[in-house]
Amino acid sequence: MPSEMTIGRVAKAAGCKVQTVRYYEQIGLVPAPPRSEGNQRLYGQAAVDRLLFIRHARELGFSLPAIRDLIGLSDNPDRPCDAVDAIAKAQLAEVDLRLQRLQALRGELERMIAQCRGGRIAECRVIEVLGDHSLCAAESHDPASPSL
């Protein structure tokens, strides 16, 4: 791999889109690279590594602010990792919360399906429960909360 890469090559090497690289530059997650005499961005391997770090963190569900914090911490390798552990634990707690919500949703869907008698739509329990949240057995899936 060449030591200096165009934005297209760095995006391909990191498995993301050019627009993603530009966005991460705009919000400061990836440092702006130097430019060639023709004003073309020229990236090094460090940019690919940073983009791969961000991509993996996103796959694990970390928010962009958490990733910003993790990057800041990773840029200081001699510091204790307590802060990193705290960020990871907060993400784990968020995943656990999502899992609980998904389990509640699964149970509610199973209950609705089991109560449906397979008759006409007018008597369909699934349609009835979807139309009236008070008929749900679990309160843990708030209809006003953002979707998973």
Protein backbone atom coordinates (compact mmCIF):
# COMPACT_ATOMS: atom_id res chain seq x y z
CA MET A 1 0.00 0.00 0.00
CA PRO A 2 1.46 3.41 -0.92
CA SER A 3 2.50 5.72 1.91
CA GLU A 4 0.30 8.52 0.58
CA MET A 5 -3.20 7.67 -0.55
CA THR A 6 -6.04 9.61 -2.10
CA ILE A 7 -9.33 9.82 -0.26
CA GLY A 8 -10.77 7.09 -2.50
CA ARG A 9 -7.94 4.69 -1.70
CA VAL A 10 -8.07 5.35 2.05
CA ALA A 11 -11.84 4.87 2.05
CA LYS A 12 -11.49 1.57 0.21
CA ALA A 13 -8.70 0.40 2.54
CA ALA A 14 -10.88 1.20 5.56
CA GLY A 15 -14.04 -0.30 4.08
CA CYS A 16 -16.05 2.91 4.12
CA LYS A 17 -17.29 5.56 1.72
CA VAL A 18 -15.50 8.74 0.69
CA GLN A 19 -18.37 10.75 2.22
CA THR A 20 -17.75 8.97 5.53
CA VAL A 21 -14.08 9.95 5.51
CA ARG A 22 -15.02 13.57 4.80
CA TYR A 23 -17.65 13.54 7.54
CA TYR A 24 -15.23 12.15 10.12
CA GLU A 25 -12.76 14.86 9.10
CA GLN A 26 -15.44 17.56 9.48
CA ILE A 27 -16.34 16.43 13.00
CA GLY A 28 -12.70 16.01 14.01
CA LEU A 29 -12.50 12.23 14.41
CA VAL A 30 -9.94 12.00 11.62
CA PRO A 31 -7.31 14.73 11.31
CA ALA A 32 -7.35 16.70 8.08
CA PRO A 33 -4.56 15.37 5.89
CA PRO A 34 -1.97 17.42 4.08
CA ARG A 35 -2.76 18.29 0.49
CA SER A 36 -0.77 17.83 -2.68
CA GLU A 37 0.26 20.70 -4.92
CA GLY A 38 -2.93 19.93 -6.86
CA ASN A 39 -4.94 20.38 -3.61
CA GLN A 40 -5.71 16.66 -3.35
CA ARG A 41 -5.95 15.13 0.13
CA LEU A 42 -3.09 12.71 0.82
CA TYR A 43 -3.56 10.19 3.62
CA GLY A 44 -1.16 7.86 5.35
CA GLN A 45 -1.61 4.51 7.05
CA ALA A 46 -2.50 6.29 10.31
CA ALA A 47 -5.71 7.55 8.69
CA VAL A 48 -6.64 4.02 7.61
CA ASP A 49 -5.95 2.76 11.12
CA ARG A 50 -8.08 5.52 12.64
CA LEU A 51 -10.95 4.82 10.24
CA LEU A 52 -10.79 1.09 11.02
CA PHE A 53 -10.87 1.91 14.74
CA ILE A 54 -13.94 4.11 14.25
CA ARG A 55 -15.66 1.54 12.05
CA HIS A 56 -15.11 -1.26 14.56
CA ALA A 57 -16.31 0.94 17.44
CA ARG A 58 -19.44 1.83 15.44
CA GLU A 59 -20.07 -1.87 14.75
CA LEU A 60 -19.98 -2.42 18.52
CA GLY A 61 -22.58 0.33 18.92
CA PHE A 62 -20.45 3.09 20.41
CA SER A 63 -21.78 6.59 19.80
CA LEU A 64 -19.68 9.18 18.02
CA PRO A 65 -19.09 11.15 21.26
CA ALA A 66 -17.90 7.93 22.96
CA ILE A 67 -15.63 7.20 20.00
CA ARG A 68 -14.24 10.73 20.23
CA ASP A 69 -13.42 10.08 23.89
CA LEU A 70 -11.89 6.68 23.09
CA ILE A 71 -9.72 8.21 20.38
CA GLY A 72 -8.57 10.93 22.74
CA LEU A 73 -7.69 8.32 25.32
CA SER A 74 -5.95 6.07 22.80
CA ASP A 75 -3.78 9.02 21.76
CA ASN A 76 -2.33 8.95 25.31
CA PRO A 77 -1.15 5.33 25.64
CA ASP A 78 0.67 5.82 28.96
CA ARG A 79 -2.49 6.77 30.87
CA PRO A 80 -4.41 4.22 32.95
CA CYS A 81 -7.30 2.63 31.10
CA ASP A 82 -9.97 3.31 33.76
CA ALA A 83 -11.71 5.87 31.56
CA VAL A 84 -11.75 3.45 28.61
CA ASP A 85 -13.21 0.75 30.84
CA ALA A 86 -15.91 3.15 32.02
CA ILE A 87 -16.90 3.95 28.43
CA ALA A 88 -16.99 0.25 27.53
CA LYS A 89 -19.05 -0.56 30.64
CA ALA A 90 -21.54 2.18 29.75
CA GLN A 91 -21.85 0.69 26.26
CA LEU A 92 -22.37 -2.78 27.73
CA ALA A 93 -25.13 -1.40 29.97
CA GLU A 94 -26.77 0.16 26.89
CA VAL A 95 -26.58 -3.17 25.04
CA ASP A 96 -28.11 -4.95 28.06
CA LEU A 97 -30.95 -2.41 28.11
CA ARG A 98 -31.59 -2.94 24.39
CA LEU A 99 -31.60 -6.71 24.91
CA GLN A 100 -34.18 -6.37 27.71
CA ARG A 101 -36.35 -4.22 25.46
CA LEU A 102 -36.01 -6.71 22.61
CA GLN A 103 -36.97 -9.60 24.92
CA ALA A 104 -40.05 -7.67 26.05
CA LEU A 105 -40.94 -6.92 22.42
CA ARG A 106 -40.46 -10.57 21.50
CA GLY A 107 -42.72 -11.69 24.34
CA GLU A 108 -45.40 -9.21 23.36
CA LEU A 109 -45.30 -10.29 19.72
CA GLU A 110 -45.53 -13.97 20.72
CA ARG A 111 -48.51 -13.18 22.98
CA MET A 112 -50.30 -11.20 20.26
CA ILE A 113 -49.78 -13.94 17.70
CA ALA A 114 -50.88 -16.67 20.13
CA GLN A 115 -54.09 -14.76 20.94
CA CYS A 116 -55.01 -14.24 17.30
CA ARG A 117 -57.74 -16.69 16.32
CA GLY A 118 -57.07 -16.49 12.59
CA GLY A 119 -60.48 -15.07 11.78
CA ARG A 120 -61.29 -11.81 10.08
CA ILE A 121 -59.18 -8.66 10.33
CA ALA A 122 -62.01 -7.02 12.28
CA GLU A 123 -61.40 -9.50 15.13
CA CYS A 124 -57.60 -9.76 14.73
CA ARG A 125 -55.84 -9.53 18.09
CA VAL A 126 -52.60 -8.31 16.50
CA ILE A 127 -54.36 -5.34 14.89
CA GLU A 128 -56.30 -4.69 18.10
CA VAL A 129 -53.18 -4.60 20.30
CA LEU A 130 -51.23 -2.50 17.80
CA GLY A 131 -54.07 0.01 17.87
CA ASP A 132 -54.31 0.16 21.67
CA HIS A 133 -51.06 0.11 23.66
CA SER A 134 -52.98 -0.39 26.90
CA LEU A 135 -53.71 -3.97 25.74
CA CYS A 136 -50.01 -4.83 25.85
CA ALA A 137 -48.91 -7.10 28.66
CA ALA A 138 -45.53 -5.39 29.05
CA GLU A 139 -45.05 -1.73 29.73
CA SER A 140 -41.33 -2.00 29.00
CA HIS A 141 -41.70 -1.13 25.34
CA ASP A 142 -42.76 2.49 25.43
CA PRO A 143 -44.50 3.41 22.16
CA ALA A 144 -42.97 6.91 22.39
CA SER A 145 -39.39 5.65 22.68
CA PRO A 146 -37.14 5.67 19.62
CA SER A 147 -36.99 2.47 17.65
CA LEU A 148 -34.23 0.00 18.17
